[in-house]
C-alpha atoms as a PDB file:
ATOM      1  CA  MET A   1    -156.741  30.086-142.041  1.00  0.00           C
ATOM      2  CA  PRO A   2    -159.783  27.926-143.871  1.00  0.00           C
ATOM      3  CA  ILE A   3    -159.957  24.372-142.340  1.00  0.00           C
ATOM      4  CA  GLU A   4    -161.037  21.031-143.163  1.00  0.00           C
ATOM      5  CA  GLY A   5    -165.081  21.021-143.047  1.00  0.00           C
ATOM      6  CA  GLY A   6    -165.452  24.707-143.442  1.00  0.00           C
ATOM      7  CA  GLY A   7    -164.761  26.611-139.977  1.00  0.00           C
ATOM      8  CA  ALA A   8    -161.741  28.784-139.119  1.00  0.00           C
ATOM      9  CA  VAL A   9    -158.999  29.024-136.923  1.00  0.00           C
ATOM     10  CA  ALA A  10    -159.147  32.399-134.083  1.00  0.00           C
ATOM     11  CA  PRO A  11    -155.697  34.378-134.248  1.00  0.00           C
ATOM     12  CA  ARG A  12    -154.539  33.922-130.745  1.00  0.00           C
ATOM     13  CA  ARG A  13    -154.259  37.134-128.827  1.00  0.00           C
ATOM     14  CA  ARG A  14    -151.309  37.841-127.768  1.00  0.00           C
ATOM     15  CA  THR A  15    -150.069  39.226-123.995  1.00  0.00           C
ATOM     16  CA  THR A  16    -149.896  42.473-124.454  1.00  0.00           C
ATOM     17  CA  ALA A  17    -147.119  45.167-122.289  1.00  0.00           C
ATOM     18  CA  TRP A  18    -149.966  46.261-119.583  1.00  0.00           C
ATOM     19  CA  GLN A  19    -151.636  42.462-118.963  1.00  0.00           C
ATOM     20  CA  PHE A  20    -147.968  40.985-119.288  1.00  0.00           C
ATOM     21  CA  TRP A  21    -146.565  43.318-116.157  1.00  0.00           C
ATOM     22  CA  GLY A  22    -150.073  43.739-114.482  1.00  0.00           C
ATOM     23  CA  ARG A  23    -149.704  39.892-114.105  1.00  0.00           C
ATOM     24  CA  ALA A  24    -146.242  39.863-113.119  1.00  0.00           C
ATOM     25  CA  LEU A  25    -147.057  42.837-110.335  1.00  0.00           C
ATOM     26  CA  ILE A  26    -150.050  40.488-108.222  1.00  0.00           C
ATOM     27  CA  ALA A  27    -147.792  37.587-108.608  1.00  0.00           C
ATOM     28  CA  PRO A  28    -145.975  37.888-105.311  1.00  0.00           C
ATOM     29  CA  TYR A  29    -149.238  38.354-103.956  1.00  0.00           C
ATOM     30  CA  LEU A  30    -151.178  35.509-105.329  1.00  0.00           C
ATOM     31  CA  LEU A  31    -147.760  33.947-103.476  1.00  0.00           C
ATOM     32  CA  VAL A  32    -147.898  35.559-100.383  1.00  0.00           C
ATOM     33  CA  PHE A  33    -151.115  34.371 -99.709  1.00  0.00           C
ATOM     34  CA  LEU A  34    -150.014  31.094-101.245  1.00  0.00           C
ATOM     35  CA  VAL A  35    -147.517  30.494 -97.616  1.00  0.00           C
ATOM     36  CA  PHE A  36    -148.973  32.512 -95.514  1.00  0.00           C
ATOM     37  CA  VAL A  37    -152.163  31.988 -95.634  1.00  0.00           C
ATOM     38  CA  LEU A  38    -153.745  28.480 -97.402  1.00  0.00           C
ATOM     39  CA  TYR A  39    -150.642  26.414 -97.194  1.00  0.00           C
ATOM     40  CA  PRO A  40    -150.777  26.946 -93.098  1.00  0.00           C
ATOM     41  CA  VAL A  41    -154.973  26.819 -92.553  1.00  0.00           C
ATOM     42  CA  GLY A  42    -154.879  23.375 -95.220  1.00  0.00           C
ATOM     43  CA  TYR A  43    -151.818  22.332 -92.911  1.00  0.00           C
ATOM     44  CA  GLY A  44    -153.795  22.294 -89.807  1.00  0.00           C
ATOM     45  CA  LEU A  45    -156.883  21.090 -90.991  1.00  0.00           C
ATOM     46  CA  TRP A  46    -154.491  18.128 -92.395  1.00  0.00           C
ATOM     47  CA  LEU A  47    -153.008  18.339 -88.506  1.00  0.00           C
ATOM     48  CA  ALA A  48    -156.595  17.615 -87.158  1.00  0.00           C
ATOM     49  CA  ARG A  49    -157.728  15.353 -89.469  1.00  0.00           C
ATOM     50  CA  HIS A  50    -158.111  12.492 -87.315  1.00  0.00           C
ATOM     51  CA  PRO A  51    -162.097  11.776 -85.550  1.00  0.00           C
ATOM     52  CA  GLN A  52    -159.859  10.672 -82.700  1.00  0.00           C
ATOM     53  CA  THR A  53    -158.184  14.423 -82.158  1.00  0.00           C
ATOM     54  CA  TYR A  54    -161.627  15.435 -81.770  1.00  0.00           C
ATOM     55  CA  VAL A  55    -162.554  12.715 -79.230  1.00  0.00           C
ATOM     56  CA  HIS A  56    -159.332  13.648 -76.967  1.00  0.00           C
ATOM     57  CA  LEU A  57    -160.211  17.326 -76.970  1.00  0.00           C
ATOM     58  CA  ALA A  58    -163.567  16.342 -75.880  1.00  0.00           C
ATOM     59  CA  ASP A  59    -162.678  14.238 -73.498  1.00  0.00           C
ATOM     60  CA  ASP A  60    -160.031  17.474 -71.820  1.00  0.00           C
ATOM     61  CA  PRO A  61    -162.186  19.611 -69.190  1.00  0.00           C
ATOM     62  CA  ILE A  62    -160.462  22.410 -69.911  1.00  0.00           C
ATOM     63  CA  PHE A  63    -161.841  21.911 -73.325  1.00  0.00           C
ATOM     64  CA  LEU A  64    -165.335  22.150 -71.579  1.00  0.00           C
ATOM     65  CA  ARG A  65    -164.763  24.790 -69.970  1.00  0.00           C
ATOM     66  CA  THR A  66    -163.147  26.179 -72.822  1.00  0.00           C
ATOM     67  CA  ALA A  67    -166.521  26.311 -74.517  1.00  0.00           C
ATOM     68  CA  ILE A  68    -167.736  27.566 -71.681  1.00  0.00           C
ATOM     69  CA  ASN A  69    -165.446  30.445 -71.256  1.00  0.00           C
ATOM     70  CA  THR A  70    -165.925  31.163 -74.767  1.00  0.00           C
ATOM     71  CA  LEU A  71    -169.545  31.623 -74.790  1.00  0.00           C
ATOM     72  CA  VAL A  72    -169.706  33.683 -71.599  1.00  0.00           C
ATOM     73  CA  PHE A  73    -167.733  36.268 -73.356  1.00  0.00           C
ATOM     74  CA  LEU A  74    -169.065  36.727 -76.383  1.00  0.00           C
ATOM     75  CA  MET A  75    -172.055  37.086 -74.270  1.00  0.00           C
ATOM     76  CA  VAL A  76    -171.258  39.566 -71.978  1.00  0.00           C
ATOM     77  CA  ALA A  77    -168.490  41.059 -73.581  1.00  0.00           C
ATOM     78  CA  ILE A  78    -170.487  42.103 -76.410  1.00  0.00           C
ATOM     79  CA  ASN A  79    -173.644  42.829 -75.794  1.00  0.00           C
ATOM     80  CA  LEU A  80    -172.108  45.529 -72.935  1.00  0.00           C
ATOM     81  CA  LYS A  81    -169.565  46.768 -75.162  1.00  0.00           C
ATOM     82  CA  MET A  82    -171.693  47.230 -78.571  1.00  0.00           C
ATOM     83  CA  ILE A  83    -174.568  48.982 -76.264  1.00  0.00           C
ATOM     84  CA  VAL A  84    -172.116  51.131 -74.468  1.00  0.00           C
ATOM     85  CA  ALA A  85    -171.348  51.773 -77.667  1.00  0.00           C
ATOM     86  CA  LEU A  86    -174.420  52.777 -78.978  1.00  0.00           C
ATOM     87  CA  PHE A  87    -175.028  54.883 -76.338  1.00  0.00           C
ATOM     88  CA  LEU A  88    -171.162  56.924 -75.987  1.00  0.00           C
ATOM     89  CA  SER A  89    -172.043  57.776 -79.635  1.00  0.00           C
ATOM     90  CA  GLY A  90    -174.909  59.885 -78.793  1.00  0.00           C
ATOM     91  CA  PHE A  91    -173.012  61.784 -76.512  1.00  0.00           C
ATOM     92  CA  PHE A  92    -169.896  62.486 -78.397  1.00  0.00           C
ATOM     93  CA  VAL A  93    -172.000  63.810 -82.165  1.00  0.00           C
ATOM     94  CA  HIS A  94    -172.565  66.923 -79.432  1.00  0.00           C
ATOM     95  CA  GLU A  95    -170.810  69.865 -80.929  1.00  0.00           C
ATOM     96  CA  ARG A  96    -168.752  71.520 -77.778  1.00  0.00           C
ATOM     97  CA  TRP A  97    -165.542  72.127 -77.708  1.00  0.00           C
ATOM     98  CA  TRP A  98    -164.964  69.705 -74.532  1.00  0.00           C
ATOM     99  CA  ILE A  99    -166.538  66.614 -75.932  1.00  0.00           C
ATOM    100  CA  ARG A 100    -163.951  67.089 -78.798  1.00  0.00           C
ATOM    101  CA  ILE A 101    -161.253  67.197 -76.187  1.00  0.00           C
ATOM    102  CA  LEU A 102    -162.495  64.135 -74.512  1.00  0.00           C
ATOM    103  CA  SER A 103    -163.073  62.130 -77.498  1.00  0.00           C
ATOM    104  CA  VAL A 104    -159.599  62.452 -78.060  1.00  0.00           C
ATOM    105  CA  LEU A 105    -158.834  61.139 -75.204  1.00  0.00           C
ATOM    106  CA  PHE A 106    -161.265  58.484 -75.391  1.00  0.00           C
ATOM    107  CA  ILE A 107    -159.343  56.996 -78.262  1.00  0.00           C
ATOM    108  CA  LEU A 108    -156.317  56.599 -77.127  1.00  0.00           C
ATOM    109  CA  PRO A 109    -156.773  52.983 -75.646  1.00  0.00           C
ATOM    110  CA  TRP A 110    -157.738  51.725 -79.187  1.00  0.00           C
ATOM    111  CA  ALA A 111    -154.740  53.679 -80.382  1.00  0.00           C
ATOM    112  CA  VAL A 112    -152.229  53.036 -78.351  1.00  0.00           C
ATOM    113  CA  PRO A 113    -150.365  48.570 -78.027  1.00  0.00           C
ATOM    114  CA  SER A 114    -152.341  45.948 -76.438  1.00  0.00           C
ATOM    115  CA  ILE A 115    -149.288  44.640 -75.351  1.00  0.00           C
ATOM    116  CA  PRO A 116    -147.871  47.030 -73.133  1.00  0.00           C
ATOM    117  CA  THR A 117    -151.549  48.216 -72.132  1.00  0.00           C
ATOM    118  CA  ILE A 118    -152.442  44.958 -70.905  1.00  0.00           C
ATOM    119  CA  LEU A 119    -149.570  44.366 -69.511  1.00  0.00           C
ATOM    120  CA  SER A 120    -150.071  47.118 -67.466  1.00  0.00           C
ATOM    121  CA  VAL A 121    -153.150  46.419 -66.057  1.00  0.00           C
ATOM    122  CA  ARG A 122    -151.834  42.802 -65.258  1.00  0.00           C
ATOM    123  CA  PHE A 123    -148.900  45.474 -62.789  1.00  0.00           C
ATOM    124  CA  MET A 124    -151.732  46.997 -61.143  1.00  0.00           C
ATOM    125  CA  LEU A 125    -153.590  44.589 -60.518  1.00  0.00           C
ATOM    126  CA  ASN A 126    -150.634  42.576 -58.653  1.00  0.00           C
ATOM    127  CA  PRO A 127    -151.600  41.451 -55.090  1.00  0.00           C
ATOM    128  CA  GLU A 128    -148.315  42.552 -53.762  1.00  0.00           C
ATOM    129  CA  TRP A 129    -147.327  45.129 -55.001  1.00  0.00           C
ATOM    130  CA  GLY A 130    -149.943  46.317 -57.284  1.00  0.00           C
ATOM    131  CA  VAL A 131    -151.131  49.866 -57.551  1.00  0.00           C
ATOM    132  CA  ILE A 132    -154.360  48.645 -56.691  1.00  0.00           C
ATOM    133  CA  ASN A 133    -153.467  47.263 -53.943  1.00  0.00           C
ATOM    134  CA  SER A 134    -151.519  49.568 -52.157  1.00  0.00           C
ATOM    135  CA  THR A 135    -153.962  51.843 -52.315  1.00  0.00           C
ATOM    136  CA  ILE A 136    -156.392  49.793 -50.588  1.00  0.00           C
ATOM    137  CA  PHE A 137    -153.697  48.467 -47.529  1.00  0.00           C
ATOM    138  CA  ARG A 138    -152.618  52.645 -47.162  1.00  0.00           C
ATOM    139  CA  LEU A 139    -156.576  52.953 -47.243  1.00  0.00           C
ATOM    140  CA  THR A 140    -157.555  50.658 -44.963  1.00  0.00           C
ATOM    141  CA  GLY A 141    -154.539  48.807 -43.101  1.00  0.00           C
ATOM    142  CA  ASN A 142    -155.294  45.288 -44.967  1.00  0.00           C
ATOM    143  CA  ASP A 143    -154.115  43.761 -48.211  1.00  0.00           C
ATOM    144  CA  GLY A 144    -156.461  43.640 -51.076  1.00  0.00           C
ATOM    145  CA  PRO A 145    -157.167  40.404 -52.820  1.00  0.00           C
ATOM    146  CA  ASN A 146    -155.516  38.469 -55.321  1.00  0.00           C
ATOM    147  CA  TRP A 147    -157.366  39.549 -58.267  1.00  0.00           C
ATOM    148  CA  LEU A 148    -156.505  37.832 -61.093  1.00  0.00           C
ATOM    149  CA  ASN A 149    -156.499  34.350 -58.527  1.00  0.00           C
ATOM    150  CA  ASP A 150    -159.983  33.592 -58.657  1.00  0.00           C
ATOM    151  CA  PRO A 151    -161.764  31.950 -62.445  1.00  0.00           C
ATOM    152  CA  THR A 152    -164.375  33.997 -61.906  1.00  0.00           C
ATOM    153  CA  LEU A 153    -162.706  37.829 -61.593  1.00  0.00           C
ATOM    154  CA  ALA A 154    -159.889  37.251 -64.111  1.00  0.00           C
ATOM    155  CA  LEU A 155    -163.271  36.301 -66.608  1.00  0.00           C
ATOM    156  CA  ALA A 156    -164.458  39.086 -65.404  1.00  0.00           C
ATOM    157  CA  PHE A 157    -161.411  41.666 -65.965  1.00  0.00           C
ATOM    158  CA  SER A 158    -160.158  39.816 -69.303  1.00  0.00           C
ATOM    159  CA  MET A 159    -163.679  40.580 -70.505  1.00  0.00           C
ATOM    160  CA  LEU A 160    -163.325  43.962 -69.271  1.00  0.00           C
ATOM    161  CA  MET A 161    -160.146  44.321 -70.489  1.00  0.00           C
ATOM    162  CA  HIS A 162    -161.907  43.379 -74.439  1.00  0.00           C
ATOM    163  CA  VAL A 163    -164.437  46.448 -73.732  1.00  0.00           C
ATOM    164  CA  TRP A 164    -162.339  48.756 -72.412  1.00  0.00           C
ATOM    165  CA  LYS A 165    -159.939  48.567 -75.639  1.00  0.00           C
ATOM    166  CA  SER A 166    -161.982  47.800 -78.185  1.00  0.00           C
ATOM    167  CA  LEU A 167    -165.093  50.280 -77.272  1.00  0.00           C
ATOM    168  CA  PRO A 168    -163.903  53.135 -79.032  1.00  0.00           C
ATOM    169  CA  PHE A 169    -163.344  51.509 -82.484  1.00  0.00           C
ATOM    170  CA  TRP A 170    -167.290  50.569 -82.192  1.00  0.00           C
ATOM    171  CA  THR A 171    -168.218  54.185 -80.271  1.00  0.00           C
ATOM    172  CA  LEU A 172    -166.600  55.634 -83.716  1.00  0.00           C
ATOM    173  CA  ILE A 173    -168.531  53.048 -86.825  1.00  0.00           C
ATOM    174  CA  LEU A 174    -171.749  54.213 -84.688  1.00  0.00           C
ATOM    175  CA  VAL A 175    -170.911  58.363 -84.349  1.00  0.00           C
ATOM    176  CA  ALA A 176    -170.909  58.064 -88.516  1.00  0.00           C
ATOM    177  CA  GLY A 177    -173.643  56.262 -88.302  1.00  0.00           C
ATOM    178  CA  ARG A 178    -175.253  59.060 -86.017  1.00  0.00           C
ATOM    179  CA  LEU A 179    -174.164  61.364 -88.406  1.00  0.00           C
ATOM    180  CA  ALA A 180    -175.641  59.783 -91.404  1.00  0.00           C
ATOM    181  CA  ILE A 181    -178.925  60.458 -90.179  1.00  0.00           C
ATOM    182  CA  PRO A 182    -180.482  64.039 -91.126  1.00  0.00           C
ATOM    183  CA  ALA A 183    -180.815  66.987 -89.310  1.00  0.00           C
ATOM    184  CA  GLU A 184    -183.984  67.649 -90.374  1.00  0.00           C
ATOM    185  CA  GLN A 185    -185.823  64.375 -88.843  1.00  0.00           C
ATOM    186  CA  TYR A 186    -185.063  65.822 -85.074  1.00  0.00           C
ATOM    187  CA  GLU A 187    -186.280  69.150 -85.959  1.00  0.00           C
ATOM    188  CA  ALA A 188    -189.063  68.195 -86.776  1.00  0.00           C
ATOM    189  CA  ALA A 189    -189.366  65.649 -84.199  1.00  0.00           C
ATOM    190  CA  SER A 190    -188.425  68.965 -81.667  1.00  0.00           C
ATOM    191  CA  VAL A 191    -191.273  70.312 -83.085  1.00  0.00           C
ATOM    192  CA  ASP A 192    -194.195  68.513 -82.492  1.00  0.00           C
ATOM    193  CA  GLY A 193    -192.340  68.268 -79.242  1.00  0.00           C
ATOM    194  CA  ALA A 194    -191.068  65.030 -78.316  1.00  0.00           C
ATOM    195  CA  THR A 195    -188.759  63.712 -75.620  1.00  0.00           C
ATOM    196  CA  ARG A 196    -184.885  62.106 -75.960  1.00  0.00           C
ATOM    197  CA  TRP A 197    -186.054  58.734 -75.085  1.00  0.00           C
ATOM    198  CA  GLN A 198    -188.969  59.409 -78.484  1.00  0.00           C
ATOM    199  CA  LYS A 199    -186.589  60.602 -81.265  1.00  0.00           C
ATOM    200  CA  PHE A 200    -184.157  57.901 -80.004  1.00  0.00           C
ATOM    201  CA  ARG A 201    -187.267  55.352 -80.251  1.00  0.00           C
ATOM    202  CA  PHE A 202    -188.433  56.809 -83.669  1.00  0.00           C
ATOM    203  CA  ILE A 203    -185.340  58.219 -85.778  1.00  0.00           C
ATOM    204  CA  THR A 204    -182.351  57.089 -83.914  1.00  0.00           C
ATOM    205  CA  TRP A 205    -182.818  53.561 -83.462  1.00  0.00           C
ATOM    206  CA  PRO A 206    -184.776  52.919 -87.056  1.00  0.00           C
ATOM    207  CA  SER A 207    -182.063  54.150 -88.855  1.00  0.00           C
ATOM    208  CA  MET A 208    -178.850  52.716 -87.144  1.00  0.00           C
ATOM    209  CA  ARG A 209    -180.387  49.203 -85.888  1.00  0.00           C
ATOM    210  CA  GLY A 210    -179.234  47.482 -89.892  1.00  0.00           C
ATOM    211  CA  LEU A 211    -175.369  49.537 -88.211  1.00  0.00           C
ATOM    212  CA  TYR A 212    -175.684  48.581 -85.387  1.00  0.00           C
ATOM    213  CA  LEU A 213    -176.454  44.126 -86.300  1.00  0.00           C
ATOM    214  CA  THR A 214    -173.515  44.769 -88.868  1.00  0.00           C
ATOM    215  CA  SER A 215    -171.496  45.907 -86.058  1.00  0.00           C
ATOM    216  CA  THR A 216    -172.476  43.492 -83.890  1.00  0.00           C
ATOM    217  CA  ILE A 217    -171.742  40.157 -86.044  1.00  0.00           C
ATOM    218  CA  LEU A 218    -168.466  41.981 -86.744  1.00  0.00           C
ATOM    219  CA  SER A 219    -167.483  42.557 -83.939  1.00  0.00           C
ATOM    220  CA  MET A 220    -167.924  38.373 -82.818  1.00  0.00           C
ATOM    221  CA  ILE A 221    -166.232  37.344 -85.023  1.00  0.00           C
ATOM    222  CA  TRP A 222    -163.700  39.489 -83.715  1.00  0.00           C
ATOM    223  CA  THR A 223    -163.887  38.731 -80.583  1.00  0.00           C
ATOM    224  CA  LEU A 224    -163.917  34.618 -80.896  1.00  0.00           C
ATOM    225  CA  GLY A 225    -159.941  35.021 -82.400  1.00  0.00           C
ATOM    226  CA  ASP A 226    -158.741  37.642 -79.247  1.00  0.00           C
ATOM    227  CA  PHE A 227    -155.881  36.456 -78.579  1.00  0.00           C
ATOM    228  CA  ASN A 228    -154.376  38.991 -75.887  1.00  0.00           C
ATOM    229  CA  SER A 229    -157.217  40.624 -73.529  1.00  0.00           C
ATOM    230  CA  VAL A 230    -157.178  36.990 -71.992  1.00  0.00           C
ATOM    231  CA  TYR A 231    -154.208  35.387 -72.474  1.00  0.00           C
ATOM    232  CA  LEU A 232    -151.761  38.735 -72.022  1.00  0.00           C
ATOM    233  CA  LEU A 233    -153.899  39.550 -68.749  1.00  0.00           C
ATOM    234  CA  THR A 234    -154.463  35.977 -67.293  1.00  0.00           C
ATOM    235  CA  GLY A 235    -152.240  33.444 -68.964  1.00  0.00           C
ATOM    236  CA  GLY A 236    -155.444  31.222 -69.336  1.00  0.00           C
ATOM    237  CA  GLY A 237    -154.980  31.148 -65.338  1.00  0.00           C
ATOM    238  CA  PRO A 238    -155.645  30.015 -62.470  1.00  0.00           C
ATOM    239  CA  ALA A 239    -155.448  26.514 -63.648  1.00  0.00           C
ATOM    240  CA  ASP A 240    -156.052  26.798 -66.978  1.00  0.00           C
ATOM    241  CA  LEU A 241    -159.748  27.852 -65.932  1.00  0.00           C
ATOM    242  CA  THR A 242    -159.609  30.893 -67.719  1.00  0.00           C
ATOM    243  CA  HIS A 243    -159.039  29.775 -71.747  1.00  0.00           C
ATOM    244  CA  VAL A 244    -160.823  30.366 -74.457  1.00  0.00           C
ATOM    245  CA  LEU A 245    -160.740  29.174 -77.933  1.00  0.00           C
ATOM    246  CA  ALA A 246    -158.277  31.809 -78.939  1.00  0.00           C
ATOM    247  CA  THR A 247    -156.287  31.099 -76.268  1.00  0.00           C
ATOM    248  CA  LEU A 248    -156.259  27.159 -76.134  1.00  0.00           C
ATOM    249  CA  GLY A 249    -154.008  26.335 -79.033  1.00  0.00           C
ATOM    250  CA  ILE A 250    -151.249  27.952 -76.909  1.00  0.00           C
ATOM    251  CA  ARG A 251    -151.269  25.416 -73.630  1.00  0.00           C
ATOM    252  CA  TYR A 252    -151.482  22.412 -75.905  1.00  0.00           C
ATOM    253  CA  LEU A 253    -148.235  23.781 -77.899  1.00  0.00           C
ATOM    254  CA  ARG A 254    -147.151  24.237 -74.625  1.00  0.00           C
ATOM    255  CA  LEU A 255    -147.819  20.437 -74.241  1.00  0.00           C
ATOM    256  CA  ASP A 256    -146.711  19.071 -77.759  1.00  0.00           C
ATOM    257  CA  GLN A 257    -150.350  18.352 -78.414  1.00  0.00           C
ATOM    258  CA  VAL A 258    -150.244  20.183 -82.042  1.00  0.00           C
ATOM    259  CA  ASP A 259    -152.978  17.927 -82.786  1.00  0.00           C
ATOM    260  CA  LEU A 260    -155.065  19.335 -80.453  1.00  0.00           C
ATOM    261  CA  ALA A 261    -153.992  22.468 -80.621  1.00  0.00           C
ATOM    262  CA  MET A 262    -155.362  22.793 -84.560  1.00  0.00           C
ATOM    263  CA  ALA A 263    -158.350  20.934 -83.644  1.00  0.00           C
ATOM    264  CA  SER A 264    -158.949  23.482 -81.210  1.00  0.00           C
ATOM    265  CA  ILE A 265    -159.018  26.195 -83.328  1.00  0.00           C
ATOM    266  CA  VAL A 266    -161.364  24.114 -85.768  1.00  0.00           C
ATOM    267  CA  VAL A 267    -164.267  23.882 -83.849  1.00  0.00           C
ATOM    268  CA  GLY A 268    -164.092  27.295 -83.288  1.00  0.00           C
ATOM    269  CA  LEU A 269    -165.230  27.264 -87.622  1.00  0.00           C
ATOM    270  CA  PRO A 270    -168.485  26.140 -87.348  1.00  0.00           C
ATOM    271  CA  PHE A 271    -169.178  29.286 -84.893  1.00  0.00           C
ATOM    272  CA  VAL A 272    -167.832  31.640 -86.972  1.00  0.00           C
ATOM    273  CA  LEU A 273    -168.644  30.421 -90.738  1.00  0.00           C
ATOM    274  CA  PRO A 274    -172.386  31.061 -90.201  1.00  0.00           C
ATOM    275  CA  LEU A 275    -171.689  34.298 -88.561  1.00  0.00           C
ATOM    276  CA  VAL A 276    -169.208  34.997 -92.026  1.00  0.00           C
ATOM    277  CA  PHE A 277    -172.076  33.963 -94.323  1.00  0.00           C
ATOM    278  CA  PHE A 278    -174.832  35.654 -92.417  1.00  0.00           C
ATOM    279  CA  MET A 279    -172.923  39.284 -92.545  1.00  0.00           C
ATOM    280  CA  MET A 280    -171.706  38.798 -96.527  1.00  0.00           C
ATOM    281  CA  LYS A 281    -175.519  38.393 -96.539  1.00  0.00           C
ATOM    282  CA  ARG A 282    -176.781  41.230 -95.243  1.00  0.00           C
ATOM    283  CA  LEU A 283    -173.656  43.660 -96.849  1.00  0.00           C
ATOM    284  CA  SER A 284    -174.562  42.213-100.181  1.00  0.00           C
ATOM    285  CA  LYS A 285    -177.764  43.693-100.173  1.00  0.00           C
END
C-alpha cells in the first residue's frame, strides 16, 4: 500500500504452523531454564551482594583452610588422575581378549552411582568395625588407625576417591584420542628402530597434547564442583578441616548463614570463569 512520501508498507509476515508449534514446544524448556538455572543463580548473587559478607567470609579461619584444601585438591588430584589416565590409555588400546575384560571391570567405578560406592569406602575405613582395621587387627593384633580422624589422611582419601571414581572416564577419552592416530606412523617408526618412549614422545604426545590439555581444563572445572568425594567420605571433618569450596556452603547452611553459603560459591567464580573462557576459546579453534 502506497503512503505519503513515496514509501510502501511491507506486508506482515504470518506465522506458519511449523513456527508456531516450534515456539510452543521450546517454551517449556525456556521456562525450566529460567526457573531452575537463572533464578537460583540470580538469587544467590543477590543474597551475596553485600561486601561485608565477603569480609565475614574471609575472617572465618575455616574459609582459609578450605581455599588451601581446594587448591591442593585441584593440583594433586587432577594431575595424578590425568597422568595415570594417559598411561592407562596406552594399555587399553592393545587388542587382547583379557584386556577387554579388564576394561569392563575398570569402567565400573565410573558407571555405578557415587553415593553407595563412596559410603561403602567410608564404612571400610571405620576404626572400630571397618574391614581394613579388622584385617589389621587379625594380622598384627593391634588396632588400626582412625583413618578419617586425621585431616591430612582424610583429605588424601577424598582425593583418591575422586581419582578412582573419575579415572575411567578420562581414560576412555584419551583411548579415543590414541585410536585416532594413524597406525602407519607407528609402523614407520618401528621400521626406523624407534623405542616405545620415542614413539610416545614424537608421535603419541604431539598428537594428543591438545586433547590432554582440553580434558585437564574440563576436569578442573568439574572438580571444583565435586561435592560427593569430600562430603560423603568425610563430611568436611574432622573439625571442618577437610572442606572444599563445593562443600563449604553446606556448613554455612547448617549454621543458618545463607549469605555466607552463597558467598562461598560466588568466590569460586573467578576460578571457574577463566577456565571456561580458555576452554571455549580452544574449542572454537
